[in-house]
Amino acid sequence: MIKKEDCEIPPEIFRKILFLLMILTKACRQILGKYAVSVTMETASEKFFVVRFSCDYSQNLDKNGQIIYTGENQECHKDIMDLTEKITDSIVYRTVSLEKENRYILNCAIERRNHRVDS
């Protein structure tokens, strides 16, 4: 995990980020069995932090370049991904994902402040 120098994250937002990373990492473990994960956190603007999650699945490819899913979870990997997406959407303002060179990369914009309604 790398945190850029100018990135001061308040504890309540950092807890959200850690929860998000635990969910994403567990999904990778359940689906792939073996993987390599890296995370970068930085300040994007006055309103957002960016968390870049990258999962390297190059060790999980068959001879045709297709992903090999763990046997026990092959049938439920779509359910795991759907659940992970729902949890991510509840925490993250906006996400952009892509696949590049046997890596799944998820860029998450997380609001810097919690918006609370005072009663």
C-alpha atoms as a PDB file:
ATOM      1  CA  MET A   1       0.000   0.000   0.000  1.00  0.00           C
ATOM      2  CA  ILE A   2       1.382   3.392  -0.980  1.00  0.00           C
ATOM      3  CA  LYS A   3       0.030   6.674   0.327  1.00  0.00           C
ATOM      4  CA  LYS A   4       1.165   9.789  -1.526  1.00  0.00           C
ATOM      5  CA  GLU A   5       2.853  12.466   0.605  1.00  0.00           C
ATOM      6  CA  ASP A   6       0.124  15.098   0.327  1.00  0.00           C
ATOM      7  CA  CYS A   7      -2.608  12.636   1.271  1.00  0.00           C
ATOM      8  CA  GLU A   8      -3.874  13.239   4.811  1.00  0.00           C
ATOM      9  CA  ILE A   9      -6.881  10.997   5.318  1.00  0.00           C
ATOM     10  CA  PRO A  10      -9.216  11.563   8.296  1.00  0.00           C
ATOM     11  CA  PRO A  11      -9.685   8.415  10.432  1.00  0.00           C
ATOM     12  CA  GLU A  12     -13.392   7.952   9.598  1.00  0.00           C
ATOM     13  CA  ILE A  13     -12.662   7.990   5.854  1.00  0.00           C
ATOM     14  CA  PHE A  14      -9.587   5.793   6.292  1.00  0.00           C
ATOM     15  CA  ARG A  15     -11.805   3.192   8.007  1.00  0.00           C
ATOM     16  CA  LYS A  16     -14.087   3.218   4.941  1.00  0.00           C
ATOM     17  CA  ILE A  17     -11.074   2.754   2.693  1.00  0.00           C
ATOM     18  CA  LEU A  18      -9.760  -0.152   4.787  1.00  0.00           C
ATOM     19  CA  PHE A  19     -13.178  -1.821   4.732  1.00  0.00           C
ATOM     20  CA  LEU A  20     -13.321  -1.404   0.959  1.00  0.00           C
ATOM     21  CA  LEU A  21      -9.838  -2.896   0.566  1.00  0.00           C
ATOM     22  CA  MET A  22     -10.712  -5.855   2.787  1.00  0.00           C
ATOM     23  CA  ILE A  23     -13.788  -6.567   0.640  1.00  0.00           C
ATOM     24  CA  LEU A  24     -11.861  -6.292  -2.642  1.00  0.00           C
ATOM     25  CA  THR A  25      -8.979  -8.423  -1.369  1.00  0.00           C
ATOM     26  CA  LYS A  26     -11.320 -11.103  -0.049  1.00  0.00           C
ATOM     27  CA  ALA A  27     -13.149 -11.173  -3.399  1.00  0.00           C
ATOM     28  CA  CYS A  28      -9.830 -11.682  -5.219  1.00  0.00           C
ATOM     29  CA  ARG A  29      -8.889 -14.478  -2.823  1.00  0.00           C
ATOM     30  CA  GLN A  30     -12.266 -16.219  -3.161  1.00  0.00           C
ATOM     31  CA  ILE A  31     -12.317 -15.993  -6.948  1.00  0.00           C
ATOM     32  CA  LEU A  32      -8.665 -16.543  -7.827  1.00  0.00           C
ATOM     33  CA  GLY A  33      -7.079 -18.324  -4.884  1.00  0.00           C
ATOM     34  CA  LYS A  34      -3.706 -16.715  -5.618  1.00  0.00           C
ATOM     35  CA  TYR A  35      -3.152 -13.125  -6.642  1.00  0.00           C
ATOM     36  CA  ALA A  36      -1.011 -10.040  -6.047  1.00  0.00           C
ATOM     37  CA  VAL A  37      -2.654  -6.815  -4.872  1.00  0.00           C
ATOM     38  CA  SER A  38      -1.337  -3.270  -4.740  1.00  0.00           C
ATOM     39  CA  VAL A  39      -3.038  -0.094  -3.517  1.00  0.00           C
ATOM     40  CA  THR A  40      -2.225   3.582  -4.049  1.00  0.00           C
ATOM     41  CA  MET A  41      -3.999   6.400  -2.216  1.00  0.00           C
ATOM     42  CA  GLU A  42      -3.748  10.042  -3.178  1.00  0.00           C
ATOM     43  CA  THR A  43      -5.553  13.361  -2.939  1.00  0.00           C
ATOM     44  CA  ALA A  44      -7.375  14.086  -6.182  1.00  0.00           C
ATOM     45  CA  SER A  45      -8.947  17.417  -5.296  1.00  0.00           C
ATOM     46  CA  GLU A  46     -10.458  19.314  -2.402  1.00  0.00           C
ATOM     47  CA  LYS A  47     -13.481  17.022  -2.587  1.00  0.00           C
ATOM     48  CA  PHE A  48     -12.060  13.544  -3.269  1.00  0.00           C
ATOM     49  CA  PHE A  49      -9.414  10.979  -2.444  1.00  0.00           C
ATOM     50  CA  VAL A  50      -8.483   8.427  -5.091  1.00  0.00           C
ATOM     51  CA  VAL A  51      -7.810   4.840  -4.132  1.00  0.00           C
ATOM     52  CA  ARG A  52      -6.307   2.766  -6.940  1.00  0.00           C
ATOM     53  CA  PHE A  53      -6.695  -0.968  -6.333  1.00  0.00           C
ATOM     54  CA  SER A  54      -4.823  -3.328  -8.644  1.00  0.00           C
ATOM     55  CA  CYS A  55      -5.115  -7.114  -8.682  1.00  0.00           C
ATOM     56  CA  ASP A  56      -2.511  -8.994 -10.718  1.00  0.00           C
ATOM     57  CA  TYR A  57      -3.996 -12.280 -11.940  1.00  0.00           C
ATOM     58  CA  SER A  58      -1.157 -13.230 -14.322  1.00  0.00           C
ATOM     59  CA  GLN A  59      -0.453 -16.355 -12.238  1.00  0.00           C
ATOM     60  CA  ASN A  60      -4.059 -17.513 -12.787  1.00  0.00           C
ATOM     61  CA  LEU A  61      -4.077 -17.873 -16.568  1.00  0.00           C
ATOM     62  CA  ASP A  62      -4.342 -21.107 -18.522  1.00  0.00           C
ATOM     63  CA  LYS A  63      -2.321 -21.780 -21.705  1.00  0.00           C
ATOM     64  CA  ASN A  64      -4.984 -19.911 -23.740  1.00  0.00           C
ATOM     65  CA  GLY A  65      -4.749 -16.794 -21.576  1.00  0.00           C
ATOM     66  CA  GLN A  66      -8.118 -17.383 -19.863  1.00  0.00           C
ATOM     67  CA  ILE A  67      -8.506 -16.792 -16.116  1.00  0.00           C
ATOM     68  CA  ILE A  68      -8.507 -19.944 -14.008  1.00  0.00           C
ATOM     69  CA  TYR A  69     -11.000 -19.534 -11.170  1.00  0.00           C
ATOM     70  CA  THR A  70     -10.687 -21.544  -7.983  1.00  0.00           C
ATOM     71  CA  GLY A  71     -12.615 -24.787  -8.376  1.00  0.00           C
ATOM     72  CA  GLU A  72     -14.832 -24.373  -5.335  1.00  0.00           C
ATOM     73  CA  ASN A  73     -15.868 -20.856  -6.284  1.00  0.00           C
ATOM     74  CA  GLN A  74     -16.047 -21.124 -10.053  1.00  0.00           C
ATOM     75  CA  GLU A  75     -19.846 -21.073 -10.061  1.00  0.00           C
ATOM     76  CA  CYS A  76     -20.254 -18.283  -7.531  1.00  0.00           C
ATOM     77  CA  HIS A  77     -17.594 -15.835  -8.790  1.00  0.00           C
ATOM     78  CA  LYS A  78     -20.276 -13.696 -10.486  1.00  0.00           C
ATOM     79  CA  ASP A  79     -22.222 -13.512  -7.200  1.00  0.00           C
ATOM     80  CA  ILE A  80     -19.052 -12.504  -5.345  1.00  0.00           C
ATOM     81  CA  MET A  81     -18.335  -9.799  -7.921  1.00  0.00           C
ATOM     82  CA  ASP A  82     -21.929  -8.507  -7.767  1.00  0.00           C
ATOM     83  CA  LEU A  83     -21.832  -8.319  -3.967  1.00  0.00           C
ATOM     84  CA  THR A  84     -18.435  -6.607  -4.060  1.00  0.00           C
ATOM     85  CA  GLU A  85     -19.789  -4.077  -6.573  1.00  0.00           C
ATOM     86  CA  LYS A  86     -22.788  -3.289  -4.350  1.00  0.00           C
ATOM     87  CA  ILE A  87     -20.582  -2.777  -1.295  1.00  0.00           C
ATOM     88  CA  THR A  88     -18.162  -0.652  -3.314  1.00  0.00           C
ATOM     89  CA  ASP A  89     -21.019   1.483  -4.647  1.00  0.00           C
ATOM     90  CA  SER A  90     -22.264   2.113  -1.100  1.00  0.00           C
ATOM     91  CA  ILE A  91     -18.872   3.478   0.004  1.00  0.00           C
ATOM     92  CA  VAL A  92     -17.444   5.052  -3.137  1.00  0.00           C
ATOM     93  CA  TYR A  93     -18.631   8.152  -4.992  1.00  0.00           C
ATOM     94  CA  ARG A  94     -17.482   6.930  -8.410  1.00  0.00           C
ATOM     95  CA  THR A  95     -15.457   3.997  -9.763  1.00  0.00           C
ATOM     96  CA  VAL A  96     -13.672   3.326 -13.012  1.00  0.00           C
ATOM     97  CA  SER A  97     -12.348  -0.141 -13.729  1.00  0.00           C
ATOM     98  CA  LEU A  98     -10.200  -1.549 -16.485  1.00  0.00           C
ATOM     99  CA  GLU A  99      -8.176  -4.598 -17.341  1.00  0.00           C
ATOM    100  CA  LYS A 100      -4.652  -4.117 -18.574  1.00  0.00           C
ATOM    101  CA  GLU A 101      -1.765  -6.567 -18.942  1.00  0.00           C
ATOM    102  CA  ASN A 102      -3.346  -9.285 -16.753  1.00  0.00           C
ATOM    103  CA  ARG A 103      -4.291  -6.778 -14.073  1.00  0.00           C
ATOM    104  CA  TYR A 104      -7.701  -5.692 -12.878  1.00  0.00           C
ATOM    105  CA  ILE A 105      -7.488  -2.022 -11.874  1.00  0.00           C
ATOM    106  CA  LEU A 106     -10.215  -0.250  -9.924  1.00  0.00           C
ATOM    107  CA  ASN A 107      -9.975   3.508  -9.393  1.00  0.00           C
ATOM    108  CA  CYS A 108     -12.283   4.738  -6.622  1.00  0.00           C
ATOM    109  CA  ALA A 109     -13.152   8.352  -5.850  1.00  0.00           C
ATOM    110  CA  ILE A 110     -14.050   8.713  -2.175  1.00  0.00           C
ATOM    111  CA  GLU A 111     -15.476  11.941  -0.795  1.00  0.00           C
ATOM    112  CA  ARG A 112     -13.164  13.762   1.615  1.00  0.00           C
ATOM    113  CA  ARG A 113     -15.980  14.839   3.915  1.00  0.00           C
ATOM    114  CA  ASN A 114     -18.980  13.027   5.273  1.00  0.00           C
ATOM    115  CA  HIS A 115     -22.177  14.863   4.458  1.00  0.00           C
ATOM    116  CA  ARG A 116     -24.362  14.811   7.542  1.00  0.00           C
ATOM    117  CA  VAL A 117     -27.725  16.370   8.072  1.00  0.00           C
ATOM    118  CA  ASP A 118     -27.905  18.175  11.422  1.00  0.00           C
ATOM    119  CA  SER A 119     -31.166  17.754  13.304  1.00  0.00           C
END
